[in-house]
Amino acid sequence: MRTAPRTATRITPGLAGLPAEVDVVVVGLGVTGAGVALDAVSRGLSVLAVDAHDLAFGTSRFSSKLVHGGLRYLASGQVGIAHESAVERGILMETTAPHLTRPLPSIIPLSAGVSRPMGTLAGAGLLGGDLLRRAAGTSGDTLPRPRRLSAAETRRIAPPLRTDGLRGAYLGWDGQLEDDARLVTTIARTAARRGAHVRTHARVVAATGREVRLRDELTGATATVATRTVVNAAGVWAGDLVDDVRLRPSRGTHLVLRPETLPGLDVAVFAPIPGETNRFVLVLPQPDGQFYVGLTDEPADGPVPDVAQPTEVEIGFLLDVVAASFARPLRRADVVGAFAGLRPLLDSGPGEDDSTADLSRKHAVLTSSGGVVTIVGGKLTTYRRMAEDAVDAAVAQAGLTAGPCVTATLPLAGAAPRAELADLAAKAAHPGTARLIRRYGADADLVLAAAREATGWTEADLLAPLDDGLATVAAELVFGVTHEGAADVADLLDRRTRIGLVPADRARAVPAAEKVLAVVQESPLQR
């Protein structure tokens, strides 16, 4: 075991300054790969983590932005996965990332289309979820107990609901992320702070258990790095690196709606899917006021694309299901954006039916004949446990000497008690400062100071929104370049921020992103 260097404190694009030899190479910088990098470096191993594109380029930025407690898995009898999800949710919300998570109230309306037996089943499910919470040791202050609401209470907390035949609702609580891509970036930044080399736009063109060959996707330069072990965390692309990995990707599609579409709605709504007993379409309010509606679960056959695209059939399905729960008709014109992600589900081989909806979300660690350790399956909420299992396997396979896993008690960059951060945000003199606290926690001052140093701009300029109707401030883009490995407009607008989820907003933000890139890349600090 080589002592991990302490100089790699920032995420950078490309291959310049790459180490010649490390203990662990991690391929893929979605949430699992970033988690593997942090786990390995925090055990004292030297780490290089790379992605051909960018942080959170694939599945990890196309989730529902939820920290699930595993209720659906409990309903389908997958008790082990449900408990694991509840445990990992508690770790995220109370220890490692309280600054990036928040309790989300959710209701299951008891409308005319929900029979009394179905309603009773839904209520029992929420009680089961609360048992999971308690078994996981998560405080009731973090996630309150579920309860039954009267029709009047339901109308008050969810004004846009259809009221004809409404008997009330069940109110439950789960975890919500500020932003899934922001979680990935923060995990990767924490790994870099601890000495991991984290590189975006660095493609692995060949790998064995002892060596990787890389290509810089910005310059075309190549390099070879010797390693003791390789962890393949490439998600749905894992089979491109290791031939004997077989996956059955499923596509999950979400819609994006403007705040005015469902005015006054501050709770998530579970809209029942006709003919299903434990599947819903979720309407999820977001921190910036938008709503995400999702999600589908469809087999994604054929070659795996870089970015999956929603289909009109899926968009129509989601609108139809949700429209039945609200007084205002939802139309295709209300959809201002849509996104789809591919889940890397493990193929169990012959005998499976064509449905991916009920394939197990349990993760698996596989070791190839060439010594590459692959981690697949799982879900965003359980990324930390997946990373722990992958590093355990890699350490054993390579005979490395490493410390124990510490990530269950290791706060991510910017972590601080939720109440403390809320108090700071409430006292902030500028709305832009409050936004930085919400997205970076205790590192908000670092973000602003780094942006000021790199650009020479005033604080007022850095805290100003990029454009009318956009909440993102310039300091976020600058920090994305200086500390988070962003190399182009897409990195900034589609992953460091989520402006790109709405194409019209993205178009308005492009000039600001181009300006930031030009100014920062000309800064002497970046040379």
Protein backbone atom coordinates (compact mmCIF):
# COMPACT_ATOMS: atom_id res chain seq x y z
CA MET A 1 0.00 0.00 0.00
CA ARG A 2 1.32 3.43 -0.97
CA THR A 3 0.33 6.41 1.12
CA ALA A 4 -2.28 8.42 -0.75
CA PRO A 5 -0.91 11.78 -1.94
CA ARG A 6 -2.36 14.94 -0.48
CA THR A 7 -1.84 17.18 -3.50
CA ALA A 8 -4.83 16.15 -5.63
CA THR A 9 -7.33 18.50 -3.97
CA ARG A 10 -9.29 19.48 -7.09
CA ILE A 11 -11.07 17.57 -9.80
CA THR A 12 -9.45 18.30 -13.16
CA PRO A 13 -10.19 17.44 -16.81
CA GLY A 14 -7.79 15.45 -18.95
CA LEU A 15 -4.56 13.57 -18.28
CA ALA A 16 -2.00 16.30 -17.47
CA GLY A 17 0.00 15.44 -14.36
CA LEU A 18 -1.37 11.90 -14.19
CA PRO A 19 0.35 9.56 -11.67
CA ALA A 20 2.33 6.71 -13.23
CA GLU A 21 1.25 4.15 -10.65
CA VAL A 22 -1.58 3.81 -8.11
CA ASP A 23 -3.17 1.17 -5.93
CA VAL A 24 -6.65 1.49 -7.44
CA VAL A 25 -8.02 2.77 -10.75
CA VAL A 26 -11.76 3.47 -10.74
CA VAL A 27 -13.50 3.56 -14.12
CA GLY A 28 -16.69 5.61 -14.17
CA LEU A 29 -17.63 8.68 -12.14
CA GLY A 30 -21.30 8.23 -11.51
CA VAL A 31 -22.41 7.99 -7.90
CA THR A 32 -21.00 4.47 -7.45
CA GLY A 33 -17.61 5.24 -9.01
CA ALA A 34 -17.26 8.45 -7.02
CA GLY A 35 -18.20 6.45 -3.92
CA VAL A 36 -15.56 3.82 -4.70
CA ALA A 37 -12.91 6.53 -5.10
CA LEU A 38 -13.81 8.05 -1.73
CA ASP A 39 -13.96 4.69 0.02
CA ALA A 40 -10.60 3.57 -1.34
CA VAL A 41 -8.71 6.80 -0.64
CA SER A 42 -10.17 7.06 2.85
CA ARG A 43 -8.71 3.59 3.58
CA GLY A 44 -5.24 4.94 2.77
CA LEU A 45 -4.99 3.66 -0.81
CA SER A 46 -3.69 5.74 -3.71
CA VAL A 47 -6.50 6.25 -6.25
CA LEU A 48 -7.05 7.39 -9.81
CA ALA A 49 -10.73 7.77 -10.77
CA VAL A 50 -11.62 8.59 -14.38
CA ASP A 51 -14.60 9.09 -16.65
CA ALA A 52 -14.68 9.29 -20.43
CA HIS A 53 -17.15 12.15 -20.23
CA ASP A 54 -17.89 13.87 -16.95
CA LEU A 55 -19.06 13.46 -13.39
CA ALA A 56 -22.63 12.10 -13.25
CA PHE A 57 -22.75 11.89 -17.03
CA GLY A 58 -24.97 8.80 -17.13
CA THR A 59 -27.66 7.33 -14.91
CA SER A 60 -26.73 9.28 -11.78
CA ARG A 61 -28.06 12.60 -13.08
CA PHE A 62 -31.34 11.16 -14.35
CA SER A 63 -32.81 9.80 -11.11
CA SER A 64 -35.91 10.99 -9.26
CA LYS A 65 -33.59 12.92 -6.91
CA LEU A 66 -34.92 10.88 -3.99
CA VAL A 67 -33.18 9.10 -1.11
CA HIS A 68 -35.50 6.12 -0.90
CA GLY A 69 -36.22 4.10 2.22
CA GLY A 70 -36.97 0.94 0.26
CA LEU A 71 -40.76 0.87 0.61
CA ARG A 72 -41.32 -0.55 -2.88
CA TYR A 73 -38.86 -3.35 -2.24
CA LEU A 74 -40.58 -4.19 1.02
CA ALA A 75 -43.88 -4.45 -0.86
CA SER A 76 -42.35 -6.93 -3.30
CA GLY A 77 -40.84 -9.04 -0.54
CA GLN A 78 -37.22 -7.87 -0.99
CA VAL A 79 -36.77 -7.24 2.73
CA GLY A 80 -32.97 -7.24 2.67
CA ILE A 81 -32.76 -4.57 -0.03
CA ALA A 82 -35.48 -2.53 1.72
CA HIS A 83 -33.57 -2.57 5.01
CA GLU A 84 -30.28 -1.71 3.29
CA SER A 85 -31.97 1.24 1.56
CA ALA A 86 -33.41 2.51 4.84
CA VAL A 87 -30.03 2.25 6.57
CA GLU A 88 -28.21 4.07 3.77
CA ARG A 89 -30.92 6.76 3.63
CA GLY A 90 -30.38 7.43 7.32
CA ILE A 91 -26.60 7.67 6.88
CA LEU A 92 -27.00 10.18 4.04
CA MET A 93 -29.59 12.33 5.79
CA GLU A 94 -28.10 12.37 9.28
CA THR A 95 -24.33 11.93 8.90
CA THR A 96 -22.69 12.18 5.50
CA ALA A 97 -24.87 14.64 3.54
CA PRO A 98 -27.43 16.49 5.67
CA HIS A 99 -26.62 19.59 3.59
CA LEU A 100 -27.66 17.91 0.33
CA THR A 101 -30.77 16.11 1.60
CA ARG A 102 -34.08 17.12 3.14
CA PRO A 103 -37.23 15.41 4.41
CA LEU A 104 -39.90 15.29 1.70
CA PRO A 105 -43.57 15.03 2.68
CA SER A 106 -45.50 12.78 0.29
CA ILE A 107 -49.20 12.02 0.03
CA ILE A 108 -51.17 9.14 -1.44
CA PRO A 109 -54.58 10.72 -2.23
CA LEU A 110 -57.61 8.58 -1.46
CA SER A 111 -59.51 9.65 -4.55
CA ALA A 112 -62.52 8.16 -6.22
CA GLY A 113 -60.28 5.89 -8.30
CA VAL A 114 -58.64 4.38 -5.20
CA SER A 115 -60.80 1.67 -3.65
CA ARG A 116 -60.97 1.33 0.11
CA PRO A 117 -58.97 -1.93 0.08
CA MET A 118 -56.27 -0.23 -2.03
CA GLY A 119 -56.25 2.70 0.37
CA THR A 120 -55.88 0.38 3.33
CA LEU A 121 -52.99 -1.37 1.57
CA ALA A 122 -51.29 1.98 0.90
CA GLY A 123 -51.61 2.99 4.53
CA ALA A 124 -50.19 -0.34 5.65
CA GLY A 125 -47.28 0.16 3.29
CA LEU A 126 -46.43 3.52 4.86
CA LEU A 127 -46.55 1.95 8.31
CA GLY A 128 -44.19 -0.73 7.04
CA GLY A 129 -41.90 2.00 5.76
CA ASP A 130 -41.90 3.61 9.19
CA LEU A 131 -40.91 0.30 10.73
CA LEU A 132 -37.98 0.25 8.30
CA ARG A 133 -37.03 3.76 9.40
CA ARG A 134 -37.02 2.76 13.05
CA ALA A 135 -35.13 -0.47 12.37
CA ALA A 136 -32.51 1.57 10.52
CA GLY A 137 -32.13 3.90 13.52
CA THR A 138 -33.23 7.05 11.68
CA SER A 139 -34.68 9.71 13.99
CA GLY A 140 -38.34 10.66 13.88
CA ASP A 141 -37.14 14.28 13.86
CA THR A 142 -35.52 13.59 10.49
CA LEU A 143 -38.44 11.61 9.04
CA PRO A 144 -41.72 11.96 10.98
CA ARG A 145 -44.20 9.12 11.32
CA PRO A 146 -46.89 8.71 8.63
CA ARG A 147 -50.51 9.60 9.36
CA ARG A 148 -53.96 9.74 7.80
CA LEU A 149 -55.21 13.14 6.58
CA SER A 150 -58.81 14.26 6.34
CA ALA A 151 -60.19 15.53 3.05
CA ALA A 152 -59.95 19.12 4.34
CA GLU A 153 -56.29 18.69 5.37
CA THR A 154 -55.49 17.12 2.02
CA ARG A 155 -57.04 20.03 0.10
CA ARG A 156 -55.10 22.50 2.24
CA ILE A 157 -51.64 21.00 1.69
CA ALA A 158 -52.24 20.02 -1.95
CA PRO A 159 -54.54 22.65 -3.51
CA PRO A 160 -54.25 21.44 -7.14
CA LEU A 161 -55.65 17.97 -6.41
CA ARG A 162 -58.95 16.87 -7.91
CA THR A 163 -61.48 17.09 -5.07
CA ASP A 164 -64.38 15.08 -6.53
CA GLY A 165 -64.70 11.97 -4.38
CA LEU A 166 -61.57 12.81 -2.35
CA ARG A 167 -61.76 11.00 1.02
CA GLY A 168 -58.43 12.24 2.37
CA ALA A 169 -54.87 10.99 1.98
CA TYR A 170 -52.04 9.18 3.68
CA LEU A 171 -49.06 11.40 4.51
CA GLY A 172 -45.60 9.84 4.64
CA TRP A 173 -41.99 11.05 4.54
CA ASP A 174 -38.92 10.12 2.55
CA GLY A 175 -35.62 11.77 1.69
CA GLN A 176 -35.02 14.16 -1.20
CA LEU A 177 -31.74 15.30 -2.71
CA GLU A 178 -30.94 18.88 -3.53
CA ASP A 179 -29.66 17.43 -6.81
CA ASP A 180 -28.37 13.98 -7.73
CA ALA A 181 -25.51 15.34 -9.87
CA ARG A 182 -24.55 17.69 -7.03
CA LEU A 183 -24.31 14.67 -4.70
CA VAL A 184 -22.00 12.88 -7.17
CA THR A 185 -19.83 15.97 -7.57
CA THR A 186 -19.59 16.43 -3.82
CA ILE A 187 -18.57 12.81 -3.26
CA ALA A 188 -15.90 13.16 -5.96
CA ARG A 189 -14.69 16.47 -4.51
CA THR A 190 -14.43 14.88 -1.07
CA ALA A 191 -12.32 12.08 -2.56
CA ALA A 192 -10.07 14.64 -4.28
CA ARG A 193 -9.66 16.56 -1.03
CA ARG A 194 -8.38 13.38 0.58
CA GLY A 195 -5.82 12.83 -2.17
CA ALA A 196 -7.57 10.90 -4.95
CA HIS A 197 -6.77 11.88 -8.54
CA VAL A 198 -10.22 12.50 -10.06
CA ARG A 199 -10.19 13.15 -13.81
CA THR A 200 -13.03 13.97 -16.17
CA HIS A 201 -12.76 13.58 -19.97
CA ALA A 202 -10.28 10.72 -19.53
CA ARG A 203 -11.33 7.59 -21.41
CA VAL A 204 -10.10 4.09 -20.59
CA VAL A 205 -9.36 2.42 -23.92
CA ALA A 206 -8.07 -0.84 -22.43
CA ALA A 207 -7.78 -2.31 -18.97
CA THR A 208 -6.49 -5.37 -17.18
CA GLY A 209 -6.29 -5.91 -13.46
CA ARG A 210 -2.79 -4.42 -13.50
CA GLU A 211 -2.80 -1.64 -16.09
CA VAL A 212 -5.06 0.86 -17.83
CA ARG A 213 -4.49 2.75 -21.05
CA LEU A 214 -6.15 6.17 -21.19
CA ARG A 215 -6.94 8.79 -23.81
CA ASP A 216 -7.44 12.47 -23.04
CA GLU A 217 -10.75 13.31 -24.75
CA LEU A 218 -9.83 17.02 -24.88
CA THR A 219 -6.36 16.78 -26.43
CA GLY A 220 -6.07 13.25 -27.78
CA ALA A 221 -3.01 12.54 -25.63
CA THR A 222 -2.58 9.01 -24.28
CA ALA A 223 -1.06 7.54 -21.14
CA THR A 224 -0.64 4.23 -19.36
CA VAL A 225 -1.03 3.85 -15.60
CA ALA A 226 0.12 0.83 -13.62
CA THR A 227 -2.21 -0.28 -10.85
CA ARG A 228 -2.70 -3.03 -8.33
CA THR A 229 -6.41 -3.34 -9.11
CA VAL A 230 -9.16 -1.88 -11.31
CA VAL A 231 -12.76 -1.28 -10.26
CA ASN A 232 -15.23 -1.06 -13.14
CA ALA A 233 -18.07 1.25 -12.06
CA ALA A 234 -19.16 2.23 -15.56
CA GLY A 235 -22.84 1.46 -14.97
CA VAL A 236 -24.72 0.51 -18.12
CA TRP A 237 -21.42 0.68 -20.03
CA ALA A 238 -19.69 -1.84 -17.71
CA GLY A 239 -19.87 -4.52 -20.42
CA ASP A 240 -17.77 -2.36 -22.74
CA LEU A 241 -14.83 -2.81 -20.38
CA VAL A 242 -15.40 -6.42 -19.32
CA ASP A 243 -16.92 -8.77 -21.91
CA ASP A 244 -18.54 -11.23 -19.51
CA VAL A 245 -20.68 -8.63 -17.71
CA ARG A 246 -24.30 -9.03 -18.88
CA LEU A 247 -26.80 -6.29 -18.15
CA ARG A 248 -30.48 -5.66 -18.92
CA PRO A 249 -30.80 -1.87 -18.82
CA SER A 250 -34.19 -0.37 -18.09
CA ARG A 251 -35.20 3.17 -19.03
CA GLY A 252 -36.73 5.52 -16.48
CA THR A 253 -38.28 8.70 -17.91
CA HIS A 254 -39.24 11.90 -16.08
CA LEU A 255 -41.03 15.06 -17.19
CA VAL A 256 -40.25 18.61 -16.10
CA LEU A 257 -43.12 21.03 -15.38
CA ARG A 258 -43.00 24.74 -14.53
CA PRO A 259 -44.09 25.93 -11.05
CA GLU A 260 -47.25 27.56 -12.41
CA THR A 261 -48.51 24.21 -13.70
CA LEU A 262 -49.45 23.04 -10.20
CA PRO A 263 -49.55 26.21 -8.05
CA GLY A 264 -49.34 25.80 -4.29
CA LEU A 265 -48.18 22.19 -4.36
CA ASP A 266 -45.35 21.71 -1.86
CA VAL A 267 -45.70 17.97 -1.21
CA ALA A 268 -44.97 15.01 -3.43
CA VAL A 269 -48.04 13.25 -4.80
CA PHE A 270 -48.20 9.52 -5.52
CA ALA A 271 -50.62 9.02 -8.42
CA PRO A 272 -51.69 5.35 -8.64
CA ILE A 273 -51.08 3.53 -11.92
CA PRO A 274 -54.34 1.88 -13.02
CA GLY A 275 -54.26 -1.86 -12.57
CA GLU A 276 -51.23 -1.83 -10.26
CA THR A 277 -51.29 -2.26 -6.48
CA ASN A 278 -47.87 -0.92 -5.50
CA ARG A 279 -46.70 1.23 -8.40
CA PHE A 280 -47.26 4.97 -8.72
CA VAL A 281 -46.27 7.93 -10.85
CA LEU A 282 -44.68 10.54 -8.61
CA VAL A 283 -45.11 14.30 -8.84
CA LEU A 284 -42.05 15.70 -7.10
CA PRO A 285 -41.64 19.40 -6.17
CA GLN A 286 -38.05 20.60 -6.63
CA PRO A 287 -36.01 23.18 -4.67
CA ASP A 288 -36.15 25.71 -7.53
CA GLY A 289 -39.93 25.39 -7.89
CA GLN A 290 -40.18 23.03 -10.84
CA PHE A 291 -41.88 19.63 -10.71
CA TYR A 292 -40.51 16.31 -11.91
CA VAL A 293 -43.04 13.67 -12.92
CA GLY A 294 -41.89 10.07 -13.16
CA LEU A 295 -41.04 7.48 -13.71
CA THR A 296 -41.33 4.73 -16.27
CA ASP A 297 -39.61 1.36 -16.13
CA GLU A 298 -39.17 0.03 -19.66
CA PRO A 299 -36.66 -2.44 -21.12
CA ALA A 300 -33.96 -0.61 -23.08
CA ASP A 301 -32.90 -3.01 -25.79
CA GLY A 302 -30.15 -2.56 -28.34
CA PRO A 303 -26.90 -0.56 -28.17
CA VAL A 304 -26.50 1.63 -25.09
CA PRO A 305 -26.59 5.32 -26.10
CA ASP A 306 -24.48 8.00 -24.41
CA VAL A 307 -27.70 9.75 -23.39
CA ALA A 308 -31.06 7.97 -23.38
CA GLN A 309 -34.05 9.80 -24.86
CA PRO A 310 -37.63 9.74 -23.55
CA THR A 311 -40.25 8.47 -25.97
CA GLU A 312 -43.53 10.18 -26.73
CA VAL A 313 -45.34 7.04 -25.56
CA GLU A 314 -43.70 7.31 -22.14
CA ILE A 315 -44.43 11.04 -21.94
CA GLY A 316 -48.08 10.42 -22.78
CA PHE A 317 -48.33 7.62 -20.22
CA LEU A 318 -46.96 9.79 -17.40
CA LEU A 319 -49.29 12.68 -18.27
CA ASP A 320 -52.32 10.41 -18.46
CA VAL A 321 -51.68 8.83 -15.05
CA VAL A 322 -51.00 12.14 -13.30
CA ALA A 323 -53.87 14.02 -14.95
CA ALA A 324 -56.38 11.78 -13.18
CA SER A 325 -55.25 13.13 -9.80
CA PHE A 326 -55.39 16.88 -10.50
CA ALA A 327 -58.17 19.36 -11.18
CA ARG A 328 -56.26 21.15 -13.93
CA PRO A 329 -55.80 19.05 -17.06
CA LEU A 330 -52.15 18.41 -17.87
CA ARG A 331 -51.25 18.66 -21.54
CA ARG A 332 -48.19 17.96 -23.65
CA ALA A 333 -47.55 21.71 -23.86
CA ASP A 334 -47.03 21.79 -20.06
CA VAL A 335 -43.95 19.61 -20.45
CA VAL A 336 -40.98 21.99 -20.73
CA GLY A 337 -38.37 19.26 -20.45
CA ALA A 338 -37.98 15.50 -20.21
CA PHE A 339 -35.09 13.23 -19.32
CA ALA A 340 -34.40 9.52 -19.22
CA GLY A 341 -31.82 7.40 -17.47
CA LEU A 342 -30.79 3.77 -17.88
CA ARG A 343 -30.57 1.52 -14.83
CA PRO A 344 -27.70 -1.03 -14.93
CA LEU A 345 -29.71 -4.09 -13.88
CA LEU A 346 -27.89 -7.38 -13.77
CA ASP A 347 -29.11 -9.97 -16.31
CA SER A 348 -30.00 -13.15 -14.46
CA GLY A 349 -29.84 -15.14 -17.68
CA PRO A 350 -32.41 -17.47 -19.31
CA GLY A 351 -35.75 -17.78 -17.60
CA GLU A 352 -36.37 -14.07 -16.96
CA ASP A 353 -39.42 -12.50 -18.56
CA ASP A 354 -39.26 -9.32 -20.64
CA SER A 355 -40.19 -7.01 -17.76
CA THR A 356 -37.50 -5.03 -15.96
CA ALA A 357 -39.90 -3.42 -13.48
CA ASP A 358 -39.54 -6.26 -10.99
CA LEU A 359 -35.91 -7.21 -11.54
CA SER A 360 -34.01 -7.07 -8.27
CA ARG A 361 -32.16 -3.82 -7.53
CA LYS A 362 -29.66 -5.79 -5.47
CA HIS A 363 -26.10 -4.95 -6.46
CA ALA A 364 -23.45 -7.49 -7.42
CA VAL A 365 -19.65 -7.49 -7.35
CA LEU A 366 -18.04 -9.55 -10.13
CA THR A 367 -14.35 -10.29 -10.72
CA SER A 368 -13.27 -11.07 -14.29
CA SER A 369 -10.63 -13.57 -15.34
CA GLY A 370 -8.36 -10.60 -16.04
CA GLY A 371 -8.70 -9.34 -12.48
CA VAL A 372 -11.07 -6.39 -13.06
CA VAL A 373 -13.63 -5.95 -10.27
CA THR A 374 -17.04 -4.82 -11.55
CA ILE A 375 -19.85 -3.35 -9.45
CA VAL A 376 -23.32 -3.28 -11.06
CA GLY A 377 -26.99 -3.11 -10.09
CA GLY A 378 -28.12 -1.32 -6.96
CA LYS A 379 -29.56 2.17 -6.71
CA LEU A 380 -28.44 5.70 -5.94
CA THR A 381 -29.43 5.54 -2.27
CA THR A 382 -27.21 2.53 -1.61
CA TYR A 383 -24.14 3.81 -3.47
CA ARG A 384 -22.01 3.92 -0.29
CA ARG A 385 -22.63 0.27 0.57
CA MET A 386 -22.01 -0.70 -3.07
CA ALA A 387 -18.69 1.13 -2.98
CA GLU A 388 -17.72 -0.54 0.28
CA ASP A 389 -18.40 -4.00 -1.14
CA ALA A 390 -16.49 -3.20 -4.34
CA VAL A 391 -13.42 -1.94 -2.48
CA ASP A 392 -13.52 -4.94 -0.12
CA ALA A 393 -13.43 -7.23 -3.18
CA ALA A 394 -10.68 -5.23 -4.89
CA VAL A 395 -8.49 -5.20 -1.78
CA ALA A 396 -8.90 -8.95 -1.35
CA GLN A 397 -8.34 -9.71 -5.02
CA ALA A 398 -5.12 -7.65 -5.20
CA GLY A 399 -3.81 -8.53 -1.74
CA LEU A 400 -3.67 -4.86 -0.72
CA THR A 401 -3.13 -3.65 2.80
CA ALA A 402 -5.88 -1.16 3.57
CA GLY A 403 -7.68 0.29 6.53
CA PRO A 404 -11.33 -0.42 7.34
CA CYS A 405 -14.21 1.30 5.56
CA VAL A 406 -15.01 4.63 7.27
CA THR A 407 -17.49 6.18 4.85
CA ALA A 408 -20.54 5.54 7.05
CA THR A 409 -19.20 8.16 9.45
CA LEU A 410 -17.31 10.39 7.00
CA PRO A 411 -19.15 13.66 6.24
CA LEU A 412 -18.99 14.83 2.64
CA ALA A 413 -17.49 18.20 1.73
CA GLY A 414 -19.64 21.01 3.11
CA ALA A 415 -21.62 18.82 5.51
CA ALA A 416 -23.09 20.52 8.58
CA PRO A 417 -26.26 20.07 10.65
CA ARG A 418 -29.36 20.89 8.62
CA ALA A 419 -30.72 23.29 11.25
CA GLU A 420 -27.42 25.18 11.40
CA LEU A 421 -27.35 25.65 7.62
CA ALA A 422 -31.01 26.72 7.56
CA ASP A 423 -30.22 29.38 10.13
CA LEU A 424 -27.25 30.63 8.07
CA ALA A 425 -29.39 30.75 4.93
CA ALA A 426 -32.15 32.66 6.74
CA LYS A 427 -29.61 35.24 7.90
CA ALA A 428 -27.90 35.57 4.51
CA ALA A 429 -27.78 39.14 3.26
CA HIS A 430 -28.18 38.11 -0.39
CA PRO A 431 -30.45 35.48 -2.00
CA GLY A 432 -27.46 34.21 -3.96
CA THR A 433 -25.62 33.46 -0.72
CA ALA A 434 -28.61 31.50 0.58
CA ARG A 435 -28.61 29.49 -2.65
CA LEU A 436 -24.90 28.65 -2.28
CA ILE A 437 -25.53 27.46 1.28
CA ARG A 438 -28.36 25.25 0.03
CA ARG A 439 -26.22 23.65 -2.68
CA TYR A 440 -22.76 23.59 -1.07
CA GLY A 441 -23.51 23.67 2.66
CA ALA A 442 -20.63 24.90 4.80
CA ASP A 443 -18.47 25.24 1.65
CA ALA A 444 -20.54 28.19 0.39
CA ASP A 445 -17.84 30.65 1.47
CA LEU A 446 -15.19 28.57 -0.31
CA VAL A 447 -17.25 28.64 -3.52
CA LEU A 448 -17.60 32.41 -3.43
CA ALA A 449 -13.96 33.05 -2.48
CA ALA A 450 -12.65 30.72 -5.20
CA ALA A 451 -14.89 32.37 -7.80
CA ARG A 452 -13.79 35.85 -6.76
CA GLU A 453 -10.11 34.86 -6.90
CA ALA A 454 -10.41 33.22 -10.32
CA THR A 455 -12.34 36.01 -12.02
CA GLY A 456 -11.73 39.24 -10.12
CA TRP A 457 -15.48 39.87 -10.31
CA THR A 458 -17.38 41.57 -7.53
CA GLU A 459 -19.45 39.60 -5.06
CA ALA A 460 -22.58 41.20 -6.50
CA ASP A 461 -21.69 39.94 -9.98
CA LEU A 462 -20.95 36.43 -8.73
CA LEU A 463 -24.19 36.18 -6.74
CA ALA A 464 -26.42 37.53 -9.51
CA PRO A 465 -28.67 35.04 -11.37
CA LEU A 466 -27.44 34.15 -14.84
CA ASP A 467 -30.64 35.46 -16.44
CA ASP A 468 -34.21 36.41 -15.57
CA GLY A 469 -36.11 33.37 -14.34
CA LEU A 470 -32.93 31.35 -13.67
CA ALA A 471 -31.91 30.79 -10.05
CA THR A 472 -28.33 29.65 -10.80
CA VAL A 473 -25.67 32.24 -9.94
CA ALA A 474 -22.33 32.84 -11.67
CA ALA A 475 -20.25 31.63 -8.72
CA GLU A 476 -21.60 28.11 -9.26
CA LEU A 477 -20.29 28.03 -12.81
CA VAL A 478 -16.90 29.43 -11.85
CA PHE A 479 -16.44 26.89 -9.06
CA GLY A 480 -17.49 24.15 -11.47
CA VAL A 481 -14.46 25.02 -13.60
CA THR A 482 -11.91 25.78 -10.85
CA HIS A 483 -12.61 22.89 -8.48
CA GLU A 484 -15.01 20.41 -10.11
CA GLY A 485 -13.45 19.44 -13.43
CA ALA A 486 -15.93 21.14 -15.78
CA ALA A 487 -14.38 21.69 -19.21
CA ASP A 488 -17.22 22.89 -21.44
CA VAL A 489 -20.70 24.37 -21.56
CA ALA A 490 -22.40 20.97 -21.26
CA ASP A 491 -20.48 20.15 -18.09
CA LEU A 492 -21.64 23.41 -16.53
CA LEU A 493 -25.26 23.55 -17.64
CA ASP A 494 -26.17 19.85 -17.69
CA ARG A 495 -24.32 18.51 -14.63
CA ARG A 496 -22.77 21.16 -12.31
CA THR A 497 -26.14 22.87 -12.54
CA ARG A 498 -29.38 21.41 -13.92
CA ILE A 499 -30.36 24.26 -16.21
CA GLY A 500 -30.07 21.90 -19.17
CA LEU A 501 -33.12 19.88 -18.10
CA VAL A 502 -35.22 22.63 -19.71
CA PRO A 503 -33.93 23.30 -23.26
CA ALA A 504 -35.31 26.85 -23.40
CA ASP A 505 -33.51 27.76 -20.15
CA ARG A 506 -30.33 26.13 -21.37
CA ALA A 507 -30.28 28.27 -24.51
CA ARG A 508 -30.55 31.43 -22.40
CA ALA A 509 -27.70 30.33 -20.12
CA VAL A 510 -25.18 29.38 -22.81
CA PRO A 511 -23.66 32.91 -23.14
CA ALA A 512 -23.04 33.08 -19.38
CA ALA A 513 -21.39 29.66 -19.38
CA GLU A 514 -19.19 30.57 -22.34
CA LYS A 515 -18.14 33.79 -20.61
CA VAL A 516 -17.21 31.98 -17.40
CA LEU A 517 -15.16 29.38 -19.29
CA ALA A 518 -13.28 32.08 -21.19
CA VAL A 519 -12.54 34.18 -18.10
CA VAL A 520 -11.49 31.31 -15.84
CA GLN A 521 -9.38 29.54 -18.44
CA GLU A 522 -7.48 32.80 -19.05
CA SER A 523 -6.86 33.24 -15.33
CA PRO A 524 -3.21 32.82 -14.25
CA LEU A 525 -4.49 30.56 -11.45
CA GLN A 526 -5.61 27.98 -14.02
CA ARG A 527 -2.34 27.80 -15.88
